[in-house]
N, C-alpha and C. Protein backbone atom coordinates (compact mmCIF):
# COMPACT_ATOMS: atom_id res chain seq x y z
N UNK A 1 -23.22 -31.45 105.46
CA UNK A 1 -22.27 -30.80 104.62
C UNK A 1 -21.00 -30.34 105.45
N UNK A 2 -19.74 -29.99 104.79
CA UNK A 2 -18.60 -29.76 105.16
C UNK A 2 -18.08 -28.78 104.37
N UNK A 3 -16.85 -28.30 104.86
CA UNK A 3 -16.14 -27.27 103.74
C UNK A 3 -14.83 -28.24 103.28
N UNK A 4 -14.61 -28.08 102.17
CA UNK A 4 -13.60 -28.63 101.52
C UNK A 4 -12.76 -27.59 100.46
N UNK A 5 -11.67 -27.55 101.02
CA UNK A 5 -10.76 -26.33 100.31
C UNK A 5 -11.65 -25.01 100.01
N UNK A 6 -12.49 -24.73 101.01
CA UNK A 6 -12.95 -23.50 100.79
C UNK A 6 -14.48 -23.60 100.00
N UNK A 7 -14.73 -24.73 99.89
CA UNK A 7 -16.13 -24.92 99.09
C UNK A 7 -17.16 -25.78 100.02
N UNK A 8 -18.27 -25.43 100.05
CA UNK A 8 -19.15 -26.15 100.80
C UNK A 8 -19.18 -27.84 99.90
N UNK A 9 -19.15 -28.58 100.71
CA UNK A 9 -19.13 -30.00 100.15
C UNK A 9 -20.14 -31.10 100.77
N UNK A 10 -20.22 -32.29 100.15
CA UNK A 10 -20.95 -33.40 100.80
C UNK A 10 -19.78 -34.37 101.13
N UNK A 11 -19.86 -34.87 102.21
CA UNK A 11 -18.58 -35.71 102.78
C UNK A 11 -18.61 -37.20 102.31
N UNK A 12 -18.39 -37.27 100.90
CA UNK A 12 -18.56 -38.69 100.22
C UNK A 12 -18.30 -38.23 98.81
N UNK A 13 -18.26 -39.14 98.00
CA UNK A 13 -18.21 -39.06 96.43
C UNK A 13 -19.55 -38.38 96.03
N UNK A 14 -19.81 -37.88 94.92
CA UNK A 14 -20.95 -37.31 94.50
C UNK A 14 -21.97 -38.24 94.04
N UNK A 15 -21.43 -39.41 93.73
CA UNK A 15 -22.46 -40.53 93.67
C UNK A 15 -23.23 -40.92 94.89
N UNK A 16 -22.41 -40.97 96.17
CA UNK A 16 -22.97 -41.22 97.13
C UNK A 16 -24.14 -40.41 98.03
N UNK A 17 -24.35 -39.11 97.27
CA UNK A 17 -25.43 -38.22 97.79
C UNK A 17 -26.75 -38.87 97.80
N UNK A 18 -27.40 -39.00 98.68
CA UNK A 18 -28.72 -39.53 98.71
C UNK A 18 -29.77 -38.78 97.86
N UNK A 19 -30.51 -39.98 97.07
CA UNK A 19 -31.53 -39.07 96.33
C UNK A 19 -32.34 -38.38 96.99
N UNK A 20 -32.61 -38.69 98.13
CA UNK A 20 -33.53 -37.84 98.91
C UNK A 20 -33.23 -36.68 99.61
N UNK A 21 -31.70 -36.49 99.55
CA UNK A 21 -31.27 -35.08 100.19
C UNK A 21 -31.53 -34.00 99.36
N UNK A 22 -31.97 -32.91 100.14
CA UNK A 22 -32.25 -31.79 99.33
C UNK A 22 -32.17 -30.47 99.87
N UNK A 23 -32.20 -29.30 99.10
CA UNK A 23 -32.00 -27.94 99.93
C UNK A 23 -33.38 -27.38 99.65
N UNK A 24 -34.26 -26.88 100.66
CA UNK A 24 -35.65 -26.72 100.48
C UNK A 24 -35.69 -25.12 101.05
N UNK A 25 -36.39 -24.59 99.88
CA UNK A 25 -36.56 -22.90 100.09
C UNK A 25 -38.03 -22.54 100.26
N UNK A 26 -38.33 -21.65 101.08
CA UNK A 26 -39.72 -21.17 101.26
C UNK A 26 -39.86 -19.71 100.87
N UNK A 27 -40.74 -19.34 100.07
CA UNK A 27 -40.70 -18.23 99.53
C UNK A 27 -42.38 -17.68 99.88
N UNK A 28 -42.27 -16.37 100.25
CA UNK A 28 -43.77 -15.70 100.48
C UNK A 28 -44.70 -15.96 99.52
N UNK A 29 -45.91 -16.13 99.95
CA UNK A 29 -46.71 -16.25 98.39
C UNK A 29 -47.42 -14.64 98.27
N UNK A 30 -48.33 -14.78 97.46
CA UNK A 30 -49.07 -13.43 97.08
C UNK A 30 -49.75 -13.03 98.27
N UNK A 31 -50.55 -13.75 99.06
CA UNK A 31 -51.51 -13.32 100.02
C UNK A 31 -50.67 -13.83 101.52
N UNK A 32 -51.13 -13.13 102.56
CA UNK A 32 -50.59 -13.23 103.75
C UNK A 32 -51.08 -14.66 104.23
N UNK A 33 -49.94 -15.46 104.70
CA UNK A 33 -50.23 -16.74 105.10
C UNK A 33 -49.87 -18.03 104.08
N UNK A 34 -49.52 -17.32 102.69
CA UNK A 34 -49.48 -18.30 101.79
C UNK A 34 -47.81 -18.39 101.59
N UNK A 35 -47.49 -19.48 101.04
CA UNK A 35 -46.09 -19.86 100.76
C UNK A 35 -45.83 -20.65 99.52
N UNK A 36 -44.58 -20.48 98.89
CA UNK A 36 -44.41 -21.35 97.97
C UNK A 36 -42.91 -22.08 98.31
N UNK A 37 -42.88 -23.51 98.27
CA UNK A 37 -42.01 -24.18 98.68
C UNK A 37 -41.09 -24.95 97.42
N UNK A 38 -40.05 -24.87 97.34
CA UNK A 38 -39.15 -25.50 96.19
C UNK A 38 -38.01 -26.17 96.75
N UNK A 39 -38.09 -27.63 96.43
CA UNK A 39 -37.04 -28.51 96.99
C UNK A 39 -36.08 -28.91 95.87
N UNK A 40 -34.67 -28.55 96.02
CA UNK A 40 -33.67 -28.74 95.12
C UNK A 40 -33.13 -30.01 95.38
N UNK A 41 -33.02 -30.98 94.69
CA UNK A 41 -32.08 -32.21 95.08
C UNK A 41 -30.57 -31.76 95.27
N UNK A 42 -30.04 -32.09 96.28
CA UNK A 42 -28.62 -31.60 96.77
C UNK A 42 -27.89 -32.30 95.42
N UNK A 43 -28.30 -33.38 94.97
CA UNK A 43 -27.43 -33.88 93.80
C UNK A 43 -27.14 -32.68 92.58
N UNK A 44 -28.21 -31.85 92.33
CA UNK A 44 -28.08 -30.61 91.38
C UNK A 44 -27.13 -30.04 91.62
N UNK A 45 -26.42 -29.93 92.70
CA UNK A 45 -25.26 -28.84 93.07
C UNK A 45 -24.05 -29.39 92.87
N UNK A 46 -24.13 -30.89 92.59
CA UNK A 46 -22.69 -31.63 92.19
C UNK A 46 -22.34 -31.29 91.12
N UNK A 47 -21.22 -30.38 90.76
CA UNK A 47 -20.68 -29.99 89.74
C UNK A 47 -19.36 -30.61 89.29
N UNK A 48 -18.75 -31.41 89.96
CA UNK A 48 -17.31 -32.00 89.54
C UNK A 48 -16.30 -31.04 89.96
N UNK A 49 -16.35 -30.24 91.00
CA UNK A 49 -15.54 -29.21 91.43
C UNK A 49 -14.14 -30.14 92.14
N UNK A 50 -14.72 -31.06 92.84
CA UNK A 50 -13.80 -31.94 93.56
C UNK A 50 -12.78 -32.89 92.60
N UNK A 51 -13.49 -33.26 91.58
CA UNK A 51 -12.47 -33.88 90.75
C UNK A 51 -11.46 -32.87 90.24
N UNK A 52 -11.74 -31.56 89.95
CA UNK A 52 -10.79 -30.72 89.58
C UNK A 52 -9.56 -30.50 90.45
N UNK A 53 -10.10 -30.70 91.93
CA UNK A 53 -9.20 -30.28 93.08
C UNK A 53 -8.50 -31.78 93.43
N UNK A 54 -8.78 -32.92 92.63
CA UNK A 54 -7.91 -33.88 92.62
C UNK A 54 -8.59 -34.83 94.00
N UNK A 55 -9.59 -34.55 94.40
CA UNK A 55 -9.95 -35.59 95.34
C UNK A 55 -11.40 -36.03 95.19
N UNK A 56 -11.62 -37.33 94.76
CA UNK A 56 -13.21 -37.81 94.50
C UNK A 56 -13.77 -38.42 95.88
N UNK A 57 -13.07 -38.22 96.97
CA UNK A 57 -13.72 -38.76 98.10
C UNK A 57 -14.56 -37.76 98.78
N UNK A 58 -14.86 -36.54 98.12
CA UNK A 58 -15.57 -35.37 98.71
C UNK A 58 -16.18 -34.98 97.30
N UNK A 59 -17.38 -34.51 97.73
CA UNK A 59 -18.19 -33.84 96.59
C UNK A 59 -18.66 -32.32 96.74
N UNK A 60 -17.48 -31.44 96.20
CA UNK A 60 -17.84 -30.11 96.36
C UNK A 60 -19.09 -29.69 95.47
N UNK A 61 -19.63 -28.94 96.14
CA UNK A 61 -20.96 -28.40 95.63
C UNK A 61 -20.89 -27.02 94.87
N UNK A 62 -21.58 -26.79 93.87
CA UNK A 62 -21.77 -25.54 93.32
C UNK A 62 -22.58 -24.49 94.28
N UNK A 63 -22.24 -24.21 95.37
CA UNK A 63 -22.81 -23.21 96.26
C UNK A 63 -21.87 -21.87 96.58
N UNK A 64 -22.39 -20.84 96.31
CA UNK A 64 -21.35 -19.76 96.92
C UNK A 64 -22.34 -19.08 98.15
N UNK A 65 -21.27 -19.52 99.24
CA UNK A 65 -22.18 -18.91 100.51
C UNK A 65 -21.31 -17.64 101.09
N UNK A 66 -20.73 -17.18 100.10
CA UNK A 66 -19.93 -15.68 100.40
C UNK A 66 -20.75 -14.50 100.52
N UNK A 67 -20.33 -13.53 100.15
CA UNK A 67 -21.11 -12.34 100.48
C UNK A 67 -22.11 -12.19 99.39
N UNK A 68 -22.07 -12.61 98.46
CA UNK A 68 -23.26 -12.16 97.40
C UNK A 68 -24.34 -13.35 97.25
N UNK A 69 -23.97 -14.57 97.83
CA UNK A 69 -24.64 -15.79 97.50
C UNK A 69 -25.21 -16.04 95.73
N UNK A 70 -24.06 -15.94 95.24
CA UNK A 70 -24.24 -16.08 93.70
C UNK A 70 -25.11 -17.36 93.34
N UNK A 71 -24.53 -18.45 93.95
CA UNK A 71 -24.96 -19.54 93.20
C UNK A 71 -26.34 -20.31 94.12
N UNK A 72 -26.55 -19.85 95.02
CA UNK A 72 -27.54 -20.44 95.81
C UNK A 72 -29.06 -20.51 94.89
N UNK A 73 -29.18 -19.41 94.16
CA UNK A 73 -30.34 -19.26 93.37
C UNK A 73 -30.08 -19.55 91.79
N UNK A 74 -29.00 -20.10 91.46
CA UNK A 74 -28.63 -20.02 90.07
C UNK A 74 -28.78 -21.33 89.39
N UNK A 75 -27.87 -21.92 88.64
CA UNK A 75 -28.28 -22.78 87.59
C UNK A 75 -28.70 -24.25 88.38
N UNK A 76 -28.32 -24.62 89.45
CA UNK A 76 -28.79 -26.00 90.26
C UNK A 76 -30.26 -25.71 90.69
N UNK A 77 -30.24 -24.52 90.98
CA UNK A 77 -31.76 -23.99 91.37
C UNK A 77 -32.70 -24.23 90.21
N UNK A 78 -32.16 -23.67 89.22
CA UNK A 78 -33.26 -23.39 88.20
C UNK A 78 -33.76 -25.12 87.68
N UNK A 79 -32.81 -25.81 88.07
CA UNK A 79 -32.99 -27.16 87.50
C UNK A 79 -34.42 -27.70 87.76
N UNK A 80 -34.78 -27.35 88.86
CA UNK A 80 -35.92 -28.21 89.56
C UNK A 80 -37.05 -27.01 89.86
N UNK A 81 -37.20 -26.19 89.20
CA UNK A 81 -38.22 -25.26 89.42
C UNK A 81 -38.67 -24.42 88.22
N UNK A 82 -39.72 -23.81 88.05
CA UNK A 82 -40.20 -22.95 86.93
C UNK A 82 -40.35 -21.48 87.41
N UNK A 83 -40.00 -20.68 86.59
CA UNK A 83 -39.77 -19.23 86.91
C UNK A 83 -40.48 -18.37 85.81
N UNK A 84 -41.71 -17.68 86.24
CA UNK A 84 -42.44 -16.87 85.22
C UNK A 84 -42.05 -15.50 85.74
N UNK A 85 -41.89 -14.58 84.79
CA UNK A 85 -41.50 -13.21 84.78
C UNK A 85 -42.56 -12.36 84.08
N UNK A 86 -43.29 -11.36 84.67
CA UNK A 86 -43.98 -10.29 83.95
C UNK A 86 -43.32 -8.84 84.28
N UNK A 87 -42.34 -8.43 83.42
CA UNK A 87 -41.58 -7.42 83.48
C UNK A 87 -42.49 -6.02 83.66
N UNK A 88 -43.53 -6.09 82.58
CA UNK A 88 -44.38 -4.91 82.70
C UNK A 88 -45.08 -4.65 84.10
N UNK A 89 -45.60 -5.75 84.86
CA UNK A 89 -46.22 -5.70 85.98
C UNK A 89 -45.36 -5.93 87.30
N UNK A 90 -44.21 -5.96 87.01
CA UNK A 90 -43.19 -6.28 88.05
C UNK A 90 -43.72 -7.51 88.92
N UNK A 91 -43.74 -8.57 88.28
CA UNK A 91 -44.33 -9.95 89.14
C UNK A 91 -43.50 -10.84 88.42
N UNK A 92 -43.21 -11.84 89.66
CA UNK A 92 -42.71 -12.92 89.37
C UNK A 92 -43.27 -14.24 89.98
N UNK A 93 -43.30 -15.32 89.46
CA UNK A 93 -44.21 -16.62 89.95
C UNK A 93 -43.06 -17.75 89.92
N UNK A 94 -43.03 -18.58 91.16
CA UNK A 94 -42.19 -19.65 91.08
C UNK A 94 -43.08 -20.71 91.50
N UNK A 95 -42.95 -21.87 90.87
CA UNK A 95 -43.54 -22.99 90.79
C UNK A 95 -42.64 -24.38 90.75
N UNK A 96 -43.18 -25.40 91.00
CA UNK A 96 -42.46 -26.81 91.17
C UNK A 96 -43.42 -27.85 90.88
N UNK A 97 -43.00 -28.48 89.83
CA UNK A 97 -44.02 -29.75 89.48
C UNK A 97 -43.18 -31.00 89.36
N UNK A 98 -43.70 -31.90 88.58
CA UNK A 98 -43.13 -33.10 88.37
C UNK A 98 -43.24 -33.30 87.12
N UNK A 99 -42.91 -34.52 86.36
CA UNK A 99 -42.90 -34.96 84.96
C UNK A 99 -44.58 -35.33 84.96
N UNK A 100 -44.96 -34.67 83.94
CA UNK A 100 -46.57 -34.85 83.61
C UNK A 100 -46.76 -36.55 83.15
N UNK A 101 -47.57 -37.05 83.45
CA UNK A 101 -48.17 -38.58 83.48
C UNK A 101 -48.61 -38.64 82.05
N UNK A 102 -49.09 -37.52 81.31
CA UNK A 102 -49.41 -37.30 79.98
C UNK A 102 -48.20 -36.83 79.01
N UNK A 103 -47.09 -37.00 79.51
CA UNK A 103 -45.98 -36.52 78.44
C UNK A 103 -45.98 -37.28 77.17
N UNK A 104 -46.30 -38.51 77.10
CA UNK A 104 -46.38 -39.34 75.73
C UNK A 104 -47.39 -38.73 74.96
N UNK A 105 -48.28 -37.85 75.35
CA UNK A 105 -49.41 -37.13 74.51
C UNK A 105 -48.97 -35.89 73.92
N UNK A 106 -47.80 -35.55 74.29
CA UNK A 106 -47.26 -34.17 73.73
C UNK A 106 -48.18 -33.20 74.33
N UNK A 107 -48.50 -32.22 73.54
CA UNK A 107 -49.45 -31.00 73.98
C UNK A 107 -50.90 -31.19 74.66
N UNK A 108 -51.49 -32.61 74.01
CA UNK A 108 -52.45 -32.99 74.44
C UNK A 108 -52.45 -33.69 75.94
N UNK A 109 -51.35 -33.91 76.51
CA UNK A 109 -51.10 -34.39 77.75
C UNK A 109 -50.84 -33.23 78.95
N UNK A 110 -50.95 -31.91 78.60
CA UNK A 110 -50.51 -31.02 79.54
C UNK A 110 -51.65 -30.63 80.43
N UNK A 111 -53.00 -30.93 80.05
CA UNK A 111 -53.98 -30.45 80.59
C UNK A 111 -54.29 -29.02 80.29
N UNK A 112 -54.89 -28.32 81.15
CA UNK A 112 -55.47 -27.02 81.06
C UNK A 112 -54.26 -26.00 81.16
N UNK A 113 -54.22 -25.31 80.04
CA UNK A 113 -53.46 -24.02 80.15
C UNK A 113 -53.94 -22.64 80.21
N UNK A 114 -52.98 -22.09 80.92
CA UNK A 114 -53.78 -20.45 81.06
C UNK A 114 -53.10 -19.52 80.25
N UNK A 115 -53.55 -18.99 79.11
CA UNK A 115 -52.86 -18.04 78.50
C UNK A 115 -52.74 -16.49 79.08
N UNK A 116 -51.77 -15.91 79.05
CA UNK A 116 -51.36 -14.63 79.59
C UNK A 116 -51.29 -13.73 78.77
N UNK A 117 -52.27 -12.72 78.14
CA UNK A 117 -52.03 -12.02 77.26
C UNK A 117 -51.21 -10.76 77.62
N UNK A 118 -50.70 -10.00 76.57
CA UNK A 118 -50.05 -8.86 76.90
C UNK A 118 -50.85 -7.95 77.83
N UNK A 119 -50.04 -7.34 78.86
CA UNK A 119 -50.69 -6.43 79.69
C UNK A 119 -51.60 -7.39 80.92
N UNK A 120 -51.69 -8.46 80.86
CA UNK A 120 -52.28 -9.38 81.73
C UNK A 120 -51.38 -9.65 83.07
N UNK A 121 -51.86 -10.11 84.15
CA UNK A 121 -51.17 -10.49 85.28
C UNK A 121 -50.74 -11.80 85.41
N UNK A 122 -49.98 -12.45 86.21
CA UNK A 122 -49.71 -13.75 86.43
C UNK A 122 -50.71 -14.32 87.18
N UNK A 123 -51.34 -15.41 86.91
CA UNK A 123 -52.50 -16.10 87.98
C UNK A 123 -52.03 -16.32 89.27
N UNK A 124 -52.92 -16.04 90.17
CA UNK A 124 -52.44 -16.35 91.73
C UNK A 124 -53.06 -17.70 91.80
N UNK A 125 -52.44 -18.57 92.55
CA UNK A 125 -52.71 -19.80 92.66
C UNK A 125 -52.63 -20.01 94.16
């Protein structure tokens, strides 16, 4: 990554970002020694800012590395992870998965689902 007109950028056009390039985040798990890893494709952060600046030889990324780190965990982050929030119990859960192999079966292809009733806790995995 490079800096381009004050923005974090990829040194090349957005279409040249390798599909395997990613930003990887690790969050502590519920129990000691556990963690959750979320890998966000770098391409998800390519938002056309370079086009606006008139230079398509660089790919400015939708990352704010300033004082508040606004965009690190914003929209691009949400494109590749699942967030469950239980306001009542002050709990959050992060997960990352893939496209279901049973997608053509709609609800029947989802496998086992866990229903969390009002007042219940998010399951620990």
